[in-house]
Amino acid sequence: MKQVIKVLTGCTIAATLAACGNQSSGEESVQIDEIMGVDPGAGVMMNTEEAITEYELDIHLQHSSDPAMTAALGEAYANEEPIAVTASYPHWIFLAYDLKYLDDPKDVYGDTENIHTFTRVGLEDEAPEAFAVLDQFHWEPDDIGEVMLDVFEGKEPTEAAGTWVENHQDKVSEWTNGVEPVSGKTITLSYVSWDSETASTHVVAKVLEDLGYNVELTQLEPAFMWASIHSGDADAMVGGWLPKTHGAYLEEYNDNIVDLGANLEGARIGLAVPEYLDIDSIEDLK
């Protein structure tokens, strides 16, 4: 069936790396003047602004996008230059590069997160087959990492999702258990342009397409993704990071959305740096 992708918002901001280190032959000191971030509405950005205040850091938080952040990280890593990035796990950067999360003694970023599936009110009655798939959708960090890595290595998200679905029919059959095929019904999924949510949303879209749905994918900034479910403009999303990352959005919109629970456990947010940097804590960024 046809898949329609609409990109409504989400500009990539050109970003430059404003970090440097003393590369002299003597004792090396690490100086990072900038944290390379993602889109301004992301919860990890709000937490990072809080971290800058809590740890009294004299450092700039660069708002950009997930692609801009990963590009800056890749360039710095290739040259073994100092860099700190806002990082969410699962993400392909942890497969491609040797990275470490900085310790967070003030617990600004919290413990591990879960990624939840949400639907609009009424979807269960109007599209019970899609609702059942969404309710049964659950996978592991290694699963989503496989899709993200394929995309990183050059596959289109649709192709990577199709490959994963084809190779993991045992898991897909758990999601579609008891679900009958449909003919020509349309369902809209909203998502943010993070690599993890691009992967998960395209996989779910492929599964729904194979059941006979026409799937429309709408890419939005985080706040608008949540608002789209609340207003009914979109039917569902599989990228609700809780409790920290999207906690403020859940508090704002929880009166008119349906939480189907976690589709992935063990997610995490924080500040990450390459292993070659001799720093281990956010406090070391002072």
C-alpha atoms as a PDB file:
ATOM      1  CA  MET A   1       0.000   0.000   0.000  1.00  0.00           C
ATOM      2  CA  LYS A   2       1.009   3.614  -0.425  1.00  0.00           C
ATOM      3  CA  GLN A   3       3.033   5.448   2.178  1.00  0.00           C
ATOM      4  CA  VAL A   4       2.898   9.239   2.190  1.00  0.00           C
ATOM      5  CA  ILE A   5       5.493  11.231   4.113  1.00  0.00           C
ATOM      6  CA  LYS A   6       4.793  14.870   4.925  1.00  0.00           C
ATOM      7  CA  VAL A   7       7.495  17.029   6.495  1.00  0.00           C
ATOM      8  CA  LEU A   8       5.777  19.986   8.127  1.00  0.00           C
ATOM      9  CA  THR A   9       8.523  21.435  10.290  1.00  0.00           C
ATOM     10  CA  GLY A  10      12.074  20.788  11.316  1.00  0.00           C
ATOM     11  CA  CYS A  11      14.772  22.968   9.783  1.00  0.00           C
ATOM     12  CA  THR A  12      18.352  21.809   9.836  1.00  0.00           C
ATOM     13  CA  ILE A  13      20.454  24.540  11.329  1.00  0.00           C
ATOM     14  CA  ALA A  14      23.984  24.724   9.999  1.00  0.00           C
ATOM     15  CA  ALA A  15      26.284  24.286  12.938  1.00  0.00           C
ATOM     16  CA  THR A  16      29.969  24.668  13.479  1.00  0.00           C
ATOM     17  CA  LEU A  17      32.168  23.059  16.051  1.00  0.00           C
ATOM     18  CA  ALA A  18      33.433  25.666  18.478  1.00  0.00           C
ATOM     19  CA  ALA A  19      35.539  23.344  20.587  1.00  0.00           C
ATOM     20  CA  CYS A  20      39.283  23.016  20.661  1.00  0.00           C
ATOM     21  CA  GLY A  21      41.956  21.263  22.672  1.00  0.00           C
ATOM     22  CA  ASN A  22      45.592  21.815  23.408  1.00  0.00           C
ATOM     23  CA  GLN A  23      47.306  19.283  21.154  1.00  0.00           C
ATOM     24  CA  SER A  24      50.858  20.086  22.298  1.00  0.00           C
ATOM     25  CA  SER A  25      53.301  17.343  23.088  1.00  0.00           C
ATOM     26  CA  GLY A  26      53.043  18.095  26.799  1.00  0.00           C
ATOM     27  CA  GLU A  27      50.104  17.444  29.082  1.00  0.00           C
ATOM     28  CA  GLU A  28      46.894  17.780  27.094  1.00  0.00           C
ATOM     29  CA  SER A  29      44.003  19.816  28.439  1.00  0.00           C
ATOM     30  CA  VAL A  30      40.474  19.494  27.127  1.00  0.00           C
ATOM     31  CA  GLN A  31      38.431  22.599  26.540  1.00  0.00           C
ATOM     32  CA  ILE A  32      34.882  22.342  25.241  1.00  0.00           C
ATOM     33  CA  ASP A  33      33.157  25.668  24.723  1.00  0.00           C
ATOM     34  CA  GLU A  34      30.002  24.320  23.133  1.00  0.00           C
ATOM     35  CA  ILE A  35      27.580  21.446  23.560  1.00  0.00           C
ATOM     36  CA  MET A  36      26.230  20.331  20.193  1.00  0.00           C
ATOM     37  CA  GLY A  37      22.508  19.818  20.615  1.00  0.00           C
ATOM     38  CA  VAL A  38      19.467  18.844  18.583  1.00  0.00           C
ATOM     39  CA  ASP A  39      16.157  20.575  17.906  1.00  0.00           C
ATOM     40  CA  PRO A  40      15.100  23.193  20.486  1.00  0.00           C
ATOM     41  CA  GLY A  41      11.888  21.410  21.498  1.00  0.00           C
ATOM     42  CA  ALA A  42      13.586  18.169  22.473  1.00  0.00           C
ATOM     43  CA  GLY A  43      13.414  17.267  26.142  1.00  0.00           C
ATOM     44  CA  VAL A  44      17.147  16.567  26.239  1.00  0.00           C
ATOM     45  CA  MET A  45      17.716  20.208  25.293  1.00  0.00           C
ATOM     46  CA  MET A  46      15.577  21.406  28.193  1.00  0.00           C
ATOM     47  CA  ASN A  47      17.491  19.094  30.526  1.00  0.00           C
ATOM     48  CA  THR A  48      20.791  20.371  29.152  1.00  0.00           C
ATOM     49  CA  GLU A  49      19.805  23.982  29.762  1.00  0.00           C
ATOM     50  CA  GLU A  50      19.033  22.926  33.333  1.00  0.00           C
ATOM     51  CA  ALA A  51      22.383  21.112  33.565  1.00  0.00           C
ATOM     52  CA  ILE A  52      24.278  24.227  32.451  1.00  0.00           C
ATOM     53  CA  THR A  53      22.615  26.121  35.302  1.00  0.00           C
ATOM     54  CA  GLU A  54      22.940  23.384  37.937  1.00  0.00           C
ATOM     55  CA  TYR A  55      26.601  22.712  37.196  1.00  0.00           C
ATOM     56  CA  GLU A  56      27.381  26.420  36.653  1.00  0.00           C
ATOM     57  CA  LEU A  57      28.935  25.745  33.260  1.00  0.00           C
ATOM     58  CA  ASP A  58      30.361  28.535  31.135  1.00  0.00           C
ATOM     59  CA  ILE A  59      29.383  26.766  27.932  1.00  0.00           C
ATOM     60  CA  HIS A  60      27.129  27.417  24.948  1.00  0.00           C
ATOM     61  CA  LEU A  61      24.319  25.023  23.992  1.00  0.00           C
ATOM     62  CA  GLN A  62      24.031  24.944  20.193  1.00  0.00           C
ATOM     63  CA  HIS A  63      20.492  24.323  18.955  1.00  0.00           C
ATOM     64  CA  SER A  64      20.551  22.380  15.702  1.00  0.00           C
ATOM     65  CA  SER A  65      19.024  19.077  14.609  1.00  0.00           C
ATOM     66  CA  ASP A  66      19.799  15.384  14.903  1.00  0.00           C
ATOM     67  CA  PRO A  67      21.497  15.277  11.455  1.00  0.00           C
ATOM     68  CA  ALA A  68      23.552  18.401  12.231  1.00  0.00           C
ATOM     69  CA  MET A  69      24.597  17.011  15.608  1.00  0.00           C
ATOM     70  CA  THR A  70      25.679  13.684  14.139  1.00  0.00           C
ATOM     71  CA  ALA A  71      27.575  15.423  11.326  1.00  0.00           C
ATOM     72  CA  ALA A  72      29.489  17.574  13.821  1.00  0.00           C
ATOM     73  CA  LEU A  73      30.210  14.521  15.964  1.00  0.00           C
ATOM     74  CA  GLY A  74      31.461  12.541  12.972  1.00  0.00           C
ATOM     75  CA  GLU A  75      33.801  15.328  11.877  1.00  0.00           C
ATOM     76  CA  ALA A  76      35.190  15.853  15.372  1.00  0.00           C
ATOM     77  CA  TYR A  77      35.589  12.119  15.959  1.00  0.00           C
ATOM     78  CA  ALA A  78      37.487  11.642  12.693  1.00  0.00           C
ATOM     79  CA  ASN A  79      39.988  14.274  13.809  1.00  0.00           C
ATOM     80  CA  GLU A  80      39.999  13.228  17.491  1.00  0.00           C
ATOM     81  CA  GLU A  81      38.866  16.715  18.478  1.00  0.00           C
ATOM     82  CA  PRO A  82      37.010  17.562  21.700  1.00  0.00           C
ATOM     83  CA  ILE A  83      33.222  17.564  21.414  1.00  0.00           C
ATOM     84  CA  ALA A  84      30.230  17.065  23.707  1.00  0.00           C
ATOM     85  CA  VAL A  85      26.783  16.269  22.339  1.00  0.00           C
ATOM     86  CA  THR A  86      23.279  15.815  23.662  1.00  0.00           C
ATOM     87  CA  ALA A  87      22.734  12.103  23.226  1.00  0.00           C
ATOM     88  CA  SER A  88      19.809   9.741  23.381  1.00  0.00           C
ATOM     89  CA  TYR A  89      20.088   5.959  23.493  1.00  0.00           C
ATOM     90  CA  PRO A  90      19.245   3.928  21.487  1.00  0.00           C
ATOM     91  CA  HIS A  91      20.992   5.735  18.642  1.00  0.00           C
ATOM     92  CA  TRP A  92      23.313   4.595  15.877  1.00  0.00           C
ATOM     93  CA  ILE A  93      26.093   6.910  17.101  1.00  0.00           C
ATOM     94  CA  PHE A  94      26.760   4.427  19.924  1.00  0.00           C
ATOM     95  CA  LEU A  95      27.265   1.703  17.314  1.00  0.00           C
ATOM     96  CA  ALA A  96      29.410   3.805  14.981  1.00  0.00           C
ATOM     97  CA  TYR A  97      31.600   5.574  17.551  1.00  0.00           C
ATOM     98  CA  ASP A  98      33.213   4.732  20.873  1.00  0.00           C
ATOM     99  CA  LEU A  99      31.299   7.129  23.134  1.00  0.00           C
ATOM    100  CA  LYS A 100      30.582   7.464  26.840  1.00  0.00           C
ATOM    101  CA  TYR A 101      27.912   9.260  28.823  1.00  0.00           C
ATOM    102  CA  LEU A 102      29.255  11.799  31.284  1.00  0.00           C
ATOM    103  CA  ASP A 103      28.377  11.089  34.907  1.00  0.00           C
ATOM    104  CA  ASP A 104      25.522  13.229  36.183  1.00  0.00           C
ATOM    105  CA  PRO A 105      25.950  13.484  39.989  1.00  0.00           C
ATOM    106  CA  LYS A 106      23.154  16.059  40.271  1.00  0.00           C
ATOM    107  CA  ASP A 107      20.773  13.684  38.436  1.00  0.00           C
ATOM    108  CA  VAL A 108      19.577  16.351  36.004  1.00  0.00           C
ATOM    109  CA  TYR A 109      18.892  13.808  33.258  1.00  0.00           C
ATOM    110  CA  GLY A 110      17.317  11.184  35.495  1.00  0.00           C
ATOM    111  CA  ASP A 111      17.503   7.423  35.191  1.00  0.00           C
ATOM    112  CA  THR A 112      16.694   5.305  32.162  1.00  0.00           C
ATOM    113  CA  GLU A 113      13.676   6.209  30.062  1.00  0.00           C
ATOM    114  CA  ASN A 114      10.958   4.223  28.349  1.00  0.00           C
ATOM    115  CA  ILE A 115       9.568   5.013  24.905  1.00  0.00           C
ATOM    116  CA  HIS A 116       5.764   4.903  24.850  1.00  0.00           C
ATOM    117  CA  THR A 117       3.108   4.484  22.184  1.00  0.00           C
ATOM    118  CA  PHE A 118       0.216   6.965  22.216  1.00  0.00           C
ATOM    119  CA  THR A 119      -2.976   7.169  20.171  1.00  0.00           C
ATOM    120  CA  ARG A 120      -5.741   9.668  19.807  1.00  0.00           C
ATOM    121  CA  VAL A 121      -8.965   9.076  21.694  1.00  0.00           C
ATOM    122  CA  GLY A 122     -11.368   7.012  19.587  1.00  0.00           C
ATOM    123  CA  LEU A 123      -8.824   5.109  17.498  1.00  0.00           C
ATOM    124  CA  GLU A 124      -9.605   1.806  19.218  1.00  0.00           C
ATOM    125  CA  ASP A 125     -13.232   1.994  18.052  1.00  0.00           C
ATOM    126  CA  GLU A 126     -12.530   3.403  14.585  1.00  0.00           C
ATOM    127  CA  ALA A 127      -9.467   1.336  13.650  1.00  0.00           C
ATOM    128  CA  PRO A 128      -9.307  -1.644  16.016  1.00  0.00           C
ATOM    129  CA  GLU A 129      -6.811  -3.529  13.841  1.00  0.00           C
ATOM    130  CA  ALA A 130      -4.277  -0.689  13.851  1.00  0.00           C
ATOM    131  CA  PHE A 131      -4.902  -0.107  17.549  1.00  0.00           C
ATOM    132  CA  ALA A 132      -4.150  -3.772  18.286  1.00  0.00           C
ATOM    133  CA  VAL A 133      -0.843  -3.635  16.386  1.00  0.00           C
ATOM    134  CA  LEU A 134       0.171  -0.448  18.164  1.00  0.00           C
ATOM    135  CA  ASP A 135      -0.808  -1.934  21.521  1.00  0.00           C
ATOM    136  CA  GLN A 136       1.261  -5.082  20.875  1.00  0.00           C
ATOM    137  CA  PHE A 137       4.262  -3.268  19.374  1.00  0.00           C
ATOM    138  CA  HIS A 138       7.329  -3.849  21.548  1.00  0.00           C
ATOM    139  CA  TRP A 139      10.999  -4.350  20.746  1.00  0.00           C
ATOM    140  CA  GLU A 140      14.519  -4.076  22.138  1.00  0.00           C
ATOM    141  CA  PRO A 141      17.321  -1.506  21.735  1.00  0.00           C
ATOM    142  CA  ASP A 142      19.234  -3.942  19.504  1.00  0.00           C
ATOM    143  CA  ASP A 143      16.228  -4.123  17.168  1.00  0.00           C
ATOM    144  CA  ILE A 144      15.894  -0.394  16.664  1.00  0.00           C
ATOM    145  CA  GLY A 145      19.682  -0.078  16.506  1.00  0.00           C
ATOM    146  CA  GLU A 146      19.735  -2.468  13.557  1.00  0.00           C
ATOM    147  CA  VAL A 147      17.359  -0.238  11.590  1.00  0.00           C
ATOM    148  CA  MET A 148      19.178   2.966  12.531  1.00  0.00           C
ATOM    149  CA  LEU A 149      22.534   1.538  11.509  1.00  0.00           C
ATOM    150  CA  ASP A 150      21.161   0.520   8.104  1.00  0.00           C
ATOM    151  CA  VAL A 151      19.955   4.085   7.577  1.00  0.00           C
ATOM    152  CA  PHE A 152      23.298   5.472   8.722  1.00  0.00           C
ATOM    153  CA  GLU A 153      25.039   3.216   6.192  1.00  0.00           C
ATOM    154  CA  GLY A 154      22.956   4.585   3.336  1.00  0.00           C
ATOM    155  CA  LYS A 155      19.583   2.871   3.173  1.00  0.00           C
ATOM    156  CA  GLU A 156      16.416   4.917   2.970  1.00  0.00           C
ATOM    157  CA  PRO A 157      14.274   4.558   6.126  1.00  0.00           C
ATOM    158  CA  THR A 158      11.537   2.791   4.156  1.00  0.00           C
ATOM    159  CA  GLU A 159      14.036   0.263   2.782  1.00  0.00           C
ATOM    160  CA  ALA A 160      15.697  -0.295   6.161  1.00  0.00           C
ATOM    161  CA  ALA A 161      12.316  -0.838   7.800  1.00  0.00           C
ATOM    162  CA  GLY A 162      11.293  -3.306   5.102  1.00  0.00           C
ATOM    163  CA  THR A 163      14.505  -5.270   5.543  1.00  0.00           C
ATOM    164  CA  TRP A 164      14.048  -5.444   9.305  1.00  0.00           C
ATOM    165  CA  VAL A 165      10.413  -6.572   9.008  1.00  0.00           C
ATOM    166  CA  GLU A 166      11.365  -9.244   6.468  1.00  0.00           C
ATOM    167  CA  ASN A 167      14.142 -10.566   8.705  1.00  0.00           C
ATOM    168  CA  HIS A 168      12.147 -10.527  11.962  1.00  0.00           C
ATOM    169  CA  GLN A 169       8.811 -12.079  11.096  1.00  0.00           C
ATOM    170  CA  ASP A 170       8.729 -13.923  14.419  1.00  0.00           C
ATOM    171  CA  LYS A 171       8.630 -10.635  16.313  1.00  0.00           C
ATOM    172  CA  VAL A 172       6.275  -8.989  13.811  1.00  0.00           C
ATOM    173  CA  SER A 173       3.853 -11.906  14.209  1.00  0.00           C
ATOM    174  CA  GLU A 174       3.599 -11.066  17.915  1.00  0.00           C
ATOM    175  CA  TRP A 175       2.540  -7.526  17.026  1.00  0.00           C
ATOM    176  CA  THR A 176      -0.055  -8.710  14.502  1.00  0.00           C
ATOM    177  CA  ASN A 177      -1.375 -11.619  16.563  1.00  0.00           C
ATOM    178  CA  GLY A 178      -5.161 -11.795  16.221  1.00  0.00           C
ATOM    179  CA  VAL A 179      -5.302  -8.910  13.735  1.00  0.00           C
ATOM    180  CA  GLU A 180      -7.245  -9.321  10.489  1.00  0.00           C
ATOM    181  CA  PRO A 181      -6.155  -7.595   7.243  1.00  0.00           C
ATOM    182  CA  VAL A 182      -7.943  -4.424   6.152  1.00  0.00           C
ATOM    183  CA  SER A 183      -8.525  -2.856   2.762  1.00  0.00           C
ATOM    184  CA  GLY A 184      -7.690   0.745   1.974  1.00  0.00           C
ATOM    185  CA  LYS A 185      -8.083   2.298   5.406  1.00  0.00           C
ATOM    186  CA  THR A 186      -5.819   5.269   6.151  1.00  0.00           C
ATOM    187  CA  ILE A 187      -3.875   5.878   9.326  1.00  0.00           C
ATOM    188  CA  THR A 188      -1.591   8.806  10.149  1.00  0.00           C
ATOM    189  CA  LEU A 189       1.504   8.458  12.317  1.00  0.00           C
ATOM    190  CA  SER A 190       3.353  11.518  13.594  1.00  0.00           C
ATOM    191  CA  TYR A 191       7.004  11.471  14.596  1.00  0.00           C
ATOM    192  CA  VAL A 192      10.023  13.652  15.259  1.00  0.00           C
ATOM    193  CA  SER A 193      13.069  13.657  13.003  1.00  0.00           C
ATOM    194  CA  TRP A 194      15.282  11.807  15.485  1.00  0.00           C
ATOM    195  CA  ASP A 195      16.947   8.742  14.013  1.00  0.00           C
ATOM    196  CA  SER A 196      15.361   6.471  16.627  1.00  0.00           C
ATOM    197  CA  GLU A 197      11.842   7.708  15.953  1.00  0.00           C
ATOM    198  CA  THR A 198      12.376   7.644  12.203  1.00  0.00           C
ATOM    199  CA  ALA A 199      13.340   3.984  12.550  1.00  0.00           C
ATOM    200  CA  SER A 200      10.498   2.914  14.834  1.00  0.00           C
ATOM    201  CA  THR A 201       7.821   4.831  12.942  1.00  0.00           C
ATOM    202  CA  HIS A 202       8.851   3.438   9.558  1.00  0.00           C
ATOM    203  CA  VAL A 203       8.888  -0.117  10.925  1.00  0.00           C
ATOM    204  CA  VAL A 204       5.390   0.240  12.377  1.00  0.00           C
ATOM    205  CA  ALA A 205       4.253   1.864   9.124  1.00  0.00           C
ATOM    206  CA  LYS A 206       5.568  -1.104   7.133  1.00  0.00           C
ATOM    207  CA  VAL A 207       3.742  -3.574   9.372  1.00  0.00           C
ATOM    208  CA  LEU A 208       0.492  -1.619   9.022  1.00  0.00           C
ATOM    209  CA  GLU A 209       0.953  -1.379   5.240  1.00  0.00           C
ATOM    210  CA  ASP A 210       1.380  -5.137   5.036  1.00  0.00           C
ATOM    211  CA  LEU A 211      -2.012  -5.439   6.753  1.00  0.00           C
ATOM    212  CA  GLY A 212      -3.603  -3.258   4.057  1.00  0.00           C
ATOM    213  CA  TYR A 213      -3.431   0.244   5.528  1.00  0.00           C
ATOM    214  CA  ASN A 214      -2.517   3.376   3.626  1.00  0.00           C
ATOM    215  CA  VAL A 215      -0.057   5.005   6.018  1.00  0.00           C
ATOM    216  CA  GLU A 216       0.688   8.713   6.135  1.00  0.00           C
ATOM    217  CA  LEU A 217       3.775   9.807   8.060  1.00  0.00           C
ATOM    218  CA  THR A 218       3.884  13.356   9.369  1.00  0.00           C
ATOM    219  CA  GLN A 219       7.205  14.681  10.654  1.00  0.00           C
ATOM    220  CA  LEU A 220       6.870  17.347  13.348  1.00  0.00           C
ATOM    221  CA  GLU A 221       8.734  19.121  16.108  1.00  0.00           C
ATOM    222  CA  PRO A 222       8.191  17.342  19.471  1.00  0.00           C
ATOM    223  CA  ALA A 223       5.579  19.763  20.817  1.00  0.00           C
ATOM    224  CA  PHE A 224       3.556  19.558  17.616  1.00  0.00           C
ATOM    225  CA  MET A 225       3.818  15.764  17.544  1.00  0.00           C
ATOM    226  CA  TRP A 226       2.139  15.594  20.926  1.00  0.00           C
ATOM    227  CA  ALA A 227      -0.393  18.249  19.955  1.00  0.00           C
ATOM    228  CA  SER A 228      -1.301  16.298  16.811  1.00  0.00           C
ATOM    229  CA  ILE A 229      -2.357  13.273  18.872  1.00  0.00           C
ATOM    230  CA  HIS A 230      -4.245  15.441  21.348  1.00  0.00           C
ATOM    231  CA  SER A 231      -6.155  17.241  18.582  1.00  0.00           C
ATOM    232  CA  GLY A 232      -6.793  14.103  16.543  1.00  0.00           C
ATOM    233  CA  ASP A 233      -4.892  15.418  13.517  1.00  0.00           C
ATOM    234  CA  ALA A 234      -2.732  12.291  13.767  1.00  0.00           C
ATOM    235  CA  ASP A 235      -3.829   8.843  14.871  1.00  0.00           C
ATOM    236  CA  ALA A 236      -0.783   7.634  16.771  1.00  0.00           C
ATOM    237  CA  MET A 237       2.892   8.015  17.593  1.00  0.00           C
ATOM    238  CA  VAL A 238       5.461   5.534  18.880  1.00  0.00           C
ATOM    239  CA  GLY A 239       8.020   8.076  20.137  1.00  0.00           C
ATOM    240  CA  GLY A 240       6.902   9.288  23.558  1.00  0.00           C
ATOM    241  CA  TRP A 241      10.055   9.422  25.719  1.00  0.00           C
ATOM    242  CA  LEU A 242       9.178   9.295  29.426  1.00  0.00           C
ATOM    243  CA  PRO A 243       9.452  10.344  32.161  1.00  0.00           C
ATOM    244  CA  LYS A 244      11.995  13.127  31.527  1.00  0.00           C
ATOM    245  CA  THR A 245      12.348  13.872  27.827  1.00  0.00           C
ATOM    246  CA  HIS A 246       8.677  14.428  26.999  1.00  0.00           C
ATOM    247  CA  GLY A 247       7.318  14.681  30.531  1.00  0.00           C
ATOM    248  CA  ALA A 248       6.199  18.291  30.116  1.00  0.00           C
ATOM    249  CA  TYR A 249       4.251  17.420  26.959  1.00  0.00           C
ATOM    250  CA  LEU A 250       2.513  14.497  28.654  1.00  0.00           C
ATOM    251  CA  GLU A 251       1.488  16.769  31.503  1.00  0.00           C
ATOM    252  CA  GLU A 252       0.072  19.272  29.011  1.00  0.00           C
ATOM    253  CA  TYR A 253      -1.808  16.837  26.775  1.00  0.00           C
ATOM    254  CA  ASN A 254      -2.682  13.814  28.936  1.00  0.00           C
ATOM    255  CA  ASP A 255      -6.365  14.727  29.191  1.00  0.00           C
ATOM    256  CA  ASN A 256      -7.134  13.635  25.611  1.00  0.00           C
ATOM    257  CA  ILE A 257      -4.636  10.957  24.549  1.00  0.00           C
ATOM    258  CA  VAL A 258      -4.344   7.213  25.143  1.00  0.00           C
ATOM    259  CA  ASP A 259      -1.110   5.774  26.564  1.00  0.00           C
ATOM    260  CA  LEU A 260      -0.529   2.198  25.377  1.00  0.00           C
ATOM    261  CA  GLY A 261       2.560   1.823  27.521  1.00  0.00           C
ATOM    262  CA  ALA A 262       6.211   1.301  26.728  1.00  0.00           C
ATOM    263  CA  ASN A 263       7.265  -0.138  23.374  1.00  0.00           C
ATOM    264  CA  LEU A 264      10.954  -0.019  24.388  1.00  0.00           C
ATOM    265  CA  GLU A 265      12.621   0.023  27.806  1.00  0.00           C
ATOM    266  CA  GLY A 266      16.100   1.128  28.760  1.00  0.00           C
ATOM    267  CA  ALA A 267      16.366   4.332  26.771  1.00  0.00           C
ATOM    268  CA  ARG A 268      18.587   7.095  28.112  1.00  0.00           C
ATOM    269  CA  ILE A 269      19.418  10.764  27.614  1.00  0.00           C
ATOM    270  CA  GLY A 270      22.422  12.805  28.695  1.00  0.00           C
ATOM    271  CA  LEU A 271      25.676  14.340  27.536  1.00  0.00           C
ATOM    272  CA  ALA A 272      28.106  12.117  25.655  1.00  0.00           C
ATOM    273  CA  VAL A 273      31.722  12.543  24.604  1.00  0.00           C
ATOM    274  CA  PRO A 274      34.197  10.345  22.722  1.00  0.00           C
ATOM    275  CA  GLU A 275      36.107   7.832  24.844  1.00  0.00           C
ATOM    276  CA  TYR A 276      39.390   9.438  23.787  1.00  0.00           C
ATOM    277  CA  LEU A 277      38.588  12.481  25.934  1.00  0.00           C
ATOM    278  CA  ASP A 278      39.915  12.312  29.487  1.00  0.00           C
ATOM    279  CA  ILE A 279      36.733  13.572  31.137  1.00  0.00           C
ATOM    280  CA  ASP A 280      34.117  11.486  32.914  1.00  0.00           C
ATOM    281  CA  SER A 281      31.616  13.859  34.524  1.00  0.00           C
ATOM    282  CA  ILE A 282      29.537  16.859  33.548  1.00  0.00           C
ATOM    283  CA  GLU A 283      31.448  18.639  36.304  1.00  0.00           C
ATOM    284  CA  ASP A 284      34.598  18.243  34.192  1.00  0.00           C
ATOM    285  CA  LEU A 285      33.125  20.642  31.619  1.00  0.00           C
ATOM    286  CA  LYS A 286      33.698  23.586  33.978  1.00  0.00           C
END
